[in-house]
Amino acid sequence: MRRNRVASAAFLLAVLAIAAGVATSLWHAHVAGREASRAIAVKRFLVDLFDDARNSVHGIEIRERSVASLLADGAMRLRTDLGGEPEVRDELYEVLVEIFDSTGDGERSIPLARERVAAAEASWGVDDPLVAPSLVMLAGVLINHGRSAETEPLLARAQRLLDRAGAQGSLEQARLWTWEGLRRVLAEDAPSYDGNPLRQAADLLRRKYSDRDELFVALYQLAQLAALDQRHAAAEEALAELRQQAIERHGGDSLYVTHADHGLASLMMRTGRHEQALIHATAAVAGFLRFEGESHPDTFAARLIRIEALLALGRRGEAQAAWREVNAVRERSPPDGAALREQFADVAARIESL
């Protein structure tokens, strides 16, 4: 659960391509002209960012820099640019934090998320509900990097701001409930399936925001919670819903479908359905290799589940070959995280005992 990312690749690509509209405030209605001016401001910022590289006197050396490097430059520019357009700046902060955090770059995403909070407070005041999204995002980024203990006051403050705005039915409320539910699970604070805010998040998203990718995130986390609480049928139902809706919205080859396959593989192993576990694990490995690369924690975890399924089915030769492949990657790029290291140790012991 710690490894799950809230980032939506489709949303990020849409923003970067200036192909999607810029999100409006949760609580203030904006006329079409205002939305257009903000979209133009975002486009101008991104185009200028890449033009700086294209027109640089340093020539091809600058033009061939990675997109990540250019986006890091964009983050630096946000500290001084767009001071007169706080809503645009806030949205750009959100996009950049999402991008860096989706790649596991906590060294960039955490400070940038904190900058977003500070910029929002400076623009609108510490008690303005417009600050709530930045607080929720900072909490999510901290949870993603194993620092959930720091998030309770952030989420509590964001909830007070949403309550003050009467925004309990907003998309931001659903995001907050998602992270609050996960925070409680990680803190072992009332982690039961019945009373966890993740259920409220999923219900609100189904009811009002079924076309948003945030529903996929909530369903995935809800499935993990249900599995922890031994609600295997509920877990499988949530993962099946996630997988089906992700296919309908993004096609069969998407990161959300891959996460659903990963969750189903883990659940099938837990419930002794090893053939099905192998099918879903094999699909998850292929997807994670495409979307996240061989050294990403998700890829490691899916490959280890696949090995466990092969062992359970008595396919020892295939399991040993798969182990040699994943272990070679681990030696080149050791993974972070105690849970993943424990999973590696367990599979290594089983392979060595053959």
Protein backbone atom coordinates (compact mmCIF):
# COMPACT_ATOMS: atom_id res chain seq x y z
CA MET A 1 0.00 0.00 0.00
CA ARG A 2 2.91 2.35 0.72
CA ARG A 3 4.07 1.93 -2.85
CA ASN A 4 0.82 2.96 -4.46
CA ARG A 5 0.89 6.34 -6.16
CA VAL A 6 -1.97 8.74 -6.46
CA ALA A 7 -0.64 10.13 -9.71
CA SER A 8 -2.79 9.69 -12.80
CA ALA A 9 -0.58 9.29 -15.85
CA ALA A 10 -3.43 10.16 -18.21
CA PHE A 11 -4.19 13.36 -16.31
CA LEU A 12 -0.56 14.43 -16.21
CA LEU A 13 0.01 13.83 -19.89
CA ALA A 14 -3.14 15.77 -20.68
CA VAL A 15 -1.98 18.76 -18.68
CA LEU A 16 1.52 18.68 -20.15
CA ALA A 17 0.11 18.48 -23.66
CA ILE A 18 -2.29 21.32 -22.90
CA ALA A 19 -4.98 18.95 -24.18
CA ALA A 20 -7.19 19.06 -21.12
CA GLY A 21 -8.89 21.97 -19.42
CA VAL A 22 -7.34 23.41 -16.30
CA ALA A 23 -9.26 22.36 -13.21
CA THR A 24 -11.46 25.02 -11.66
CA SER A 25 -11.72 25.84 -7.96
CA LEU A 26 -13.74 23.44 -5.88
CA TRP A 27 -15.80 26.13 -4.30
CA HIS A 28 -15.89 29.16 -6.68
CA ALA A 29 -17.66 29.23 -10.02
CA HIS A 30 -15.52 30.71 -12.77
CA VAL A 31 -16.80 32.16 -16.00
CA ALA A 32 -15.53 30.71 -19.26
CA GLY A 33 -13.27 33.68 -19.89
CA ARG A 34 -11.50 33.12 -16.57
CA GLU A 35 -10.95 29.45 -17.36
CA ALA A 36 -9.56 30.34 -20.77
CA SER A 37 -7.13 32.88 -19.33
CA ARG A 38 -5.83 30.35 -16.83
CA ALA A 39 -5.39 27.71 -19.52
CA ILE A 40 -3.47 30.22 -21.62
CA ALA A 41 -1.28 31.07 -18.63
CA VAL A 42 -0.45 27.41 -18.06
CA LYS A 43 0.32 26.94 -21.73
CA ARG A 44 2.53 30.03 -21.75
CA PHE A 45 4.50 28.82 -18.75
CA LEU A 46 5.15 25.36 -20.25
CA VAL A 47 5.93 26.64 -23.73
CA ASP A 48 8.34 29.24 -22.36
CA LEU A 49 10.01 26.56 -20.30
CA PHE A 50 10.79 24.45 -23.36
CA ASP A 51 11.57 27.50 -25.49
CA ASP A 52 14.33 28.43 -23.07
CA ALA A 53 15.99 25.14 -23.92
CA ARG A 54 15.30 25.37 -27.65
CA ASN A 55 16.68 28.89 -27.98
CA SER A 56 19.57 28.52 -25.57
CA VAL A 57 23.00 29.73 -26.70
CA HIS A 58 24.36 26.44 -25.36
CA GLY A 59 22.74 24.72 -28.32
CA ILE A 60 22.14 21.01 -28.52
CA GLU A 61 23.61 20.28 -25.09
CA ILE A 62 20.70 22.12 -23.49
CA ARG A 63 18.10 20.98 -25.99
CA GLU A 64 18.89 17.33 -25.33
CA ARG A 65 18.40 17.59 -21.58
CA SER A 66 15.85 15.23 -20.11
CA VAL A 67 12.25 16.24 -19.59
CA ALA A 68 12.77 15.63 -15.85
CA SER A 69 15.56 18.19 -15.84
CA LEU A 70 13.42 20.74 -17.64
CA LEU A 71 10.57 20.15 -15.22
CA ALA A 72 12.98 20.67 -12.32
CA ASP A 73 13.80 24.04 -13.88
CA GLY A 74 10.07 24.71 -14.04
CA ALA A 75 9.78 24.03 -10.33
CA MET A 76 12.52 26.56 -9.67
CA ARG A 77 10.75 29.16 -11.79
CA LEU A 78 7.49 28.74 -9.87
CA ARG A 79 9.18 30.30 -6.85
CA THR A 80 9.38 33.63 -8.64
CA ASP A 81 6.95 33.45 -11.58
CA LEU A 82 3.15 33.73 -11.65
CA GLY A 83 2.94 35.64 -8.39
CA GLY A 84 0.00 37.55 -9.83
CA GLU A 85 -1.76 34.38 -10.95
CA PRO A 86 -1.91 32.24 -7.78
CA GLU A 87 -4.47 29.76 -9.10
CA VAL A 88 -2.35 28.98 -12.15
CA ARG A 89 0.77 28.65 -10.01
CA ASP A 90 -1.05 26.33 -7.60
CA GLU A 91 -2.14 24.08 -10.47
CA LEU A 92 1.37 23.93 -11.88
CA TYR A 93 2.73 23.03 -8.46
CA GLU A 94 0.19 20.21 -8.34
CA VAL A 95 1.24 18.85 -11.72
CA LEU A 96 4.96 18.97 -10.93
CA VAL A 97 4.53 17.32 -7.53
CA GLU A 98 2.47 14.56 -9.14
CA ILE A 99 5.09 13.94 -11.82
CA PHE A 100 8.04 13.75 -9.45
CA ASP A 101 6.18 11.66 -6.89
CA SER A 102 4.91 9.19 -9.49
CA THR A 103 8.55 8.37 -10.27
CA GLY A 104 9.37 7.85 -6.59
CA ASP A 105 11.44 11.05 -6.39
CA GLY A 106 10.67 12.07 -2.83
CA GLU A 107 13.70 14.35 -2.68
CA ARG A 108 11.91 16.60 -5.16
CA SER A 109 8.24 15.92 -4.54
CA ILE A 110 8.21 16.45 -0.76
CA PRO A 111 9.93 19.89 -0.74
CA LEU A 112 7.87 20.94 -3.75
CA ALA A 113 4.65 19.89 -2.01
CA ARG A 114 5.68 21.96 1.00
CA GLU A 115 6.39 24.91 -1.29
CA ARG A 116 2.90 24.57 -2.72
CA VAL A 117 1.37 24.82 0.75
CA ALA A 118 3.46 27.89 1.58
CA ALA A 119 2.60 29.58 -1.72
CA ALA A 120 -1.11 28.88 -1.25
CA GLU A 121 -1.04 30.29 2.28
CA ALA A 122 0.80 33.38 1.10
CA SER A 123 -1.70 33.94 -1.72
CA TRP A 124 -4.98 33.25 0.05
CA GLY A 125 -4.29 33.16 3.79
CA VAL A 126 -3.86 30.19 6.12
CA ASP A 127 -7.60 29.84 6.77
CA ASP A 128 -8.81 29.88 3.17
CA PRO A 129 -10.34 26.61 1.90
CA LEU A 130 -8.27 27.01 -1.28
CA VAL A 131 -5.28 25.88 0.82
CA ALA A 132 -6.88 22.49 1.53
CA PRO A 133 -5.81 20.76 -1.73
CA SER A 134 -2.16 21.54 -1.08
CA LEU A 135 -2.42 20.13 2.45
CA VAL A 136 -4.04 16.93 1.17
CA MET A 137 -1.39 16.53 -1.51
CA LEU A 138 1.46 17.03 0.97
CA ALA A 139 -0.06 14.38 3.22
CA GLY A 140 -0.30 11.99 0.28
CA VAL A 141 3.30 12.54 -0.75
CA LEU A 142 4.51 11.97 2.81
CA ILE A 143 2.49 8.75 3.06
CA ASN A 144 3.97 7.56 -0.21
CA HIS A 145 7.43 7.93 1.27
CA GLY A 146 6.81 6.18 4.58
CA ARG A 147 6.17 9.29 6.66
CA SER A 148 2.50 8.80 7.50
CA ALA A 149 3.06 9.75 11.14
CA GLU A 150 3.51 13.38 10.01
CA THR A 151 0.21 13.57 8.16
CA GLU A 152 -2.50 13.53 10.84
CA PRO A 153 -2.37 17.30 11.56
CA LEU A 154 -2.24 18.11 7.84
CA LEU A 155 -5.34 16.07 7.07
CA ALA A 156 -7.18 17.34 10.16
CA ARG A 157 -6.49 20.93 9.15
CA ALA A 158 -7.60 20.27 5.58
CA GLN A 159 -10.82 18.71 6.88
CA ARG A 160 -11.58 21.80 8.95
CA LEU A 161 -11.12 23.99 5.88
CA LEU A 162 -13.39 21.78 3.78
CA ASP A 163 -16.02 21.75 6.51
CA ARG A 164 -15.88 25.54 6.68
CA ALA A 165 -16.47 25.73 2.94
CA GLY A 166 -19.31 23.20 3.03
CA ALA A 167 -17.35 21.05 0.61
CA GLN A 168 -18.06 17.62 2.10
CA GLY A 169 -19.29 16.40 -1.28
CA SER A 170 -16.30 17.70 -3.22
CA LEU A 171 -13.64 15.82 -5.09
CA GLU A 172 -11.09 17.14 -2.61
CA GLN A 173 -13.09 15.55 0.23
CA ALA A 174 -12.86 12.20 -1.56
CA ARG A 175 -9.11 12.62 -1.92
CA LEU A 176 -8.82 13.49 1.76
CA TRP A 177 -10.83 10.45 2.85
CA THR A 178 -8.62 8.24 0.66
CA TRP A 179 -5.42 9.43 2.33
CA GLU A 180 -6.96 9.51 5.80
CA GLY A 181 -8.10 5.92 5.37
CA LEU A 182 -4.65 4.84 4.28
CA ARG A 183 -3.04 6.79 7.13
CA ARG A 184 -5.17 4.91 9.62
CA VAL A 185 -4.27 1.56 8.13
CA LEU A 186 -0.56 2.32 8.21
CA ALA A 187 -0.84 3.58 11.79
CA GLU A 188 -2.96 0.56 12.75
CA ASP A 189 -5.50 3.09 13.97
CA ALA A 190 -8.94 1.50 13.54
CA PRO A 191 -7.95 -0.34 10.33
CA SER A 192 -11.20 -2.34 10.11
CA TYR A 193 -12.92 -2.40 6.75
CA ASP A 194 -16.33 -1.26 7.98
CA GLY A 195 -15.39 2.06 9.57
CA ASN A 196 -12.51 3.17 7.38
CA PRO A 197 -12.80 6.46 5.43
CA LEU A 198 -11.69 4.64 2.29
CA ARG A 199 -15.25 3.31 1.99
CA GLN A 200 -16.63 6.85 2.18
CA ALA A 201 -14.15 7.96 -0.48
CA ALA A 202 -15.12 5.15 -2.85
CA ASP A 203 -18.84 5.76 -2.31
CA LEU A 204 -18.53 9.51 -2.96
CA LEU A 205 -16.42 8.95 -6.06
CA ARG A 206 -18.84 6.36 -7.45
CA ARG A 207 -21.78 8.67 -6.79
CA LYS A 208 -20.43 11.98 -8.10
CA TYR A 209 -17.05 11.51 -9.78
CA SER A 210 -17.20 8.14 -11.50
CA ASP A 211 -15.40 9.63 -14.50
CA ARG A 212 -12.34 10.55 -12.39
CA ASP A 213 -9.24 8.41 -12.02
CA GLU A 214 -9.30 9.10 -8.27
CA LEU A 215 -11.92 6.35 -8.12
CA PHE A 216 -9.29 3.85 -9.28
CA VAL A 217 -6.94 4.87 -6.48
CA ALA A 218 -9.66 4.55 -3.85
CA LEU A 219 -10.78 1.15 -5.17
CA TYR A 220 -7.23 -0.19 -5.11
CA GLN A 221 -6.63 0.96 -1.55
CA LEU A 222 -10.07 -0.28 -0.48
CA ALA A 223 -9.22 -3.72 -1.87
CA GLN A 224 -5.97 -3.80 0.10
CA LEU A 225 -7.84 -2.84 3.27
CA ALA A 226 -10.49 -5.51 2.68
CA ALA A 227 -7.79 -8.16 2.19
CA LEU A 228 -6.09 -7.11 5.44
CA ASP A 229 -9.43 -7.44 7.22
CA GLN A 230 -9.98 -10.91 5.70
CA ARG A 231 -12.83 -9.60 3.52
CA HIS A 232 -11.58 -11.49 0.49
CA ALA A 233 -14.83 -11.29 -1.46
CA ALA A 234 -15.00 -7.51 -0.98
CA ALA A 235 -11.35 -7.18 -2.01
CA GLU A 236 -11.89 -9.17 -5.18
CA GLU A 237 -15.02 -7.17 -6.00
CA ALA A 238 -13.17 -3.85 -5.65
CA LEU A 239 -10.26 -5.03 -7.80
CA ALA A 240 -12.59 -6.42 -10.47
CA GLU A 241 -14.46 -3.11 -10.53
CA LEU A 242 -11.18 -1.23 -10.82
CA ARG A 243 -9.94 -3.44 -13.63
CA GLN A 244 -13.15 -3.26 -15.64
CA GLN A 245 -13.59 0.49 -15.33
CA ALA A 246 -9.92 1.12 -16.12
CA ILE A 247 -10.22 -0.96 -19.28
CA GLU A 248 -13.36 0.91 -20.32
CA ARG A 249 -11.76 4.30 -19.75
CA HIS A 250 -8.13 3.78 -20.77
CA GLY A 251 -8.04 0.49 -22.65
CA GLY A 252 -6.49 -2.78 -21.60
CA ASP A 253 -2.92 -1.49 -21.55
CA SER A 254 -2.80 1.02 -18.71
CA LEU A 255 -1.06 1.36 -15.38
CA TYR A 256 -4.39 1.10 -13.53
CA VAL A 257 -5.13 -2.26 -15.14
CA THR A 258 -1.62 -3.36 -14.19
CA HIS A 259 -2.20 -2.38 -10.56
CA ALA A 260 -5.48 -4.29 -10.59
CA ASP A 261 -3.69 -7.38 -11.92
CA HIS A 262 -1.06 -7.01 -9.23
CA GLY A 263 -3.71 -6.78 -6.52
CA LEU A 264 -5.60 -9.77 -7.92
CA ALA A 265 -2.40 -11.83 -8.09
CA SER A 266 -1.69 -11.14 -4.43
CA LEU A 267 -5.29 -11.92 -3.46
CA MET A 268 -5.34 -15.17 -5.45
CA MET A 269 -2.15 -16.31 -3.73
CA ARG A 270 -3.68 -15.47 -0.36
CA THR A 271 -6.76 -17.55 -1.15
CA GLY A 272 -4.93 -20.49 -2.72
CA ARG A 273 -5.91 -19.90 -6.35
CA HIS A 274 -2.42 -20.29 -7.73
CA GLU A 275 -3.20 -20.71 -11.43
CA GLN A 276 -5.17 -17.46 -11.48
CA ALA A 277 -2.47 -15.81 -9.40
CA LEU A 278 0.11 -16.72 -12.02
CA ILE A 279 -2.01 -15.31 -14.84
CA HIS A 280 -2.50 -11.97 -13.10
CA ALA A 281 1.09 -11.79 -11.84
CA THR A 282 2.47 -12.42 -15.34
CA ALA A 283 0.27 -9.62 -16.72
CA ALA A 284 1.32 -7.31 -13.87
CA VAL A 285 5.03 -7.94 -14.44
CA ALA A 286 4.69 -7.16 -18.15
CA GLY A 287 2.76 -3.98 -17.40
CA PHE A 288 5.09 -2.69 -14.71
CA LEU A 289 8.12 -3.33 -16.90
CA ARG A 290 6.54 -1.13 -19.58
CA PHE A 291 5.23 1.62 -17.35
CA GLU A 292 7.70 1.78 -14.47
CA GLY A 293 10.85 -0.10 -15.42
CA GLU A 294 12.65 -3.12 -14.04
CA SER A 295 13.97 -1.51 -10.85
CA HIS A 296 10.69 0.02 -9.63
CA PRO A 297 9.37 -1.43 -6.32
CA ASP A 298 6.07 -2.39 -7.99
CA THR A 299 7.93 -4.41 -10.61
CA PHE A 300 10.01 -6.19 -7.99
CA ALA A 301 6.92 -7.04 -5.95
CA ALA A 302 4.98 -8.40 -8.94
CA ARG A 303 7.92 -10.53 -10.06
CA LEU A 304 8.25 -12.02 -6.60
CA ILE A 305 4.54 -12.89 -6.49
CA ARG A 306 4.93 -14.57 -9.86
CA ILE A 307 7.80 -16.66 -8.49
CA GLU A 308 5.70 -17.60 -5.47
CA ALA A 309 2.88 -18.73 -7.79
CA LEU A 310 5.29 -20.83 -9.86
CA LEU A 311 6.63 -22.47 -6.70
CA ALA A 312 3.10 -23.19 -5.45
CA LEU A 313 2.33 -24.87 -8.78
CA GLY A 314 5.47 -27.00 -8.60
CA ARG A 315 7.10 -25.32 -11.60
CA ARG A 316 10.50 -25.15 -9.96
CA GLY A 317 12.65 -24.65 -13.04
CA GLU A 318 10.65 -21.65 -14.18
CA ALA A 319 10.69 -20.25 -10.65
CA GLN A 320 14.46 -20.57 -10.41
CA ALA A 321 14.95 -18.90 -13.80
CA ALA A 322 12.62 -16.05 -12.82
CA TRP A 323 14.49 -15.69 -9.52
CA ARG A 324 17.84 -15.36 -11.28
CA GLU A 325 16.43 -12.59 -13.45
CA VAL A 326 14.93 -10.54 -10.62
CA ASN A 327 17.92 -11.10 -8.34
CA ALA A 328 20.26 -9.78 -11.04
CA VAL A 329 18.18 -6.60 -11.22
CA ARG A 330 18.23 -6.32 -7.43
CA GLU A 331 22.02 -6.53 -7.38
CA ARG A 332 22.22 -3.68 -9.89
CA SER A 333 19.51 -1.56 -8.27
CA PRO A 334 18.78 -2.56 -4.66
CA PRO A 335 15.15 -1.72 -3.75
CA ASP A 336 14.11 0.43 -0.82
CA GLY A 337 11.53 -0.54 1.77
CA ALA A 338 11.50 -3.02 4.60
CA ALA A 339 8.46 -4.89 3.26
CA LEU A 340 10.07 -5.52 -0.11
CA ARG A 341 13.34 -6.62 1.47
CA GLU A 342 11.39 -9.05 3.64
CA GLN A 343 9.59 -10.42 0.57
CA PHE A 344 12.95 -10.90 -1.18
CA ALA A 345 14.36 -12.75 1.84
CA ASP A 346 11.37 -15.06 2.00
CA VAL A 347 11.49 -15.98 -1.69
CA ALA A 348 15.29 -16.40 -1.55
CA ALA A 349 14.96 -18.85 1.33
CA ARG A 350 12.38 -20.88 -0.58
CA ILE A 351 14.51 -20.96 -3.74
CA GLU A 352 17.60 -22.03 -1.78
CA SER A 353 15.65 -24.85 -0.16
CA LEU A 354 14.81 -26.49 -3.50
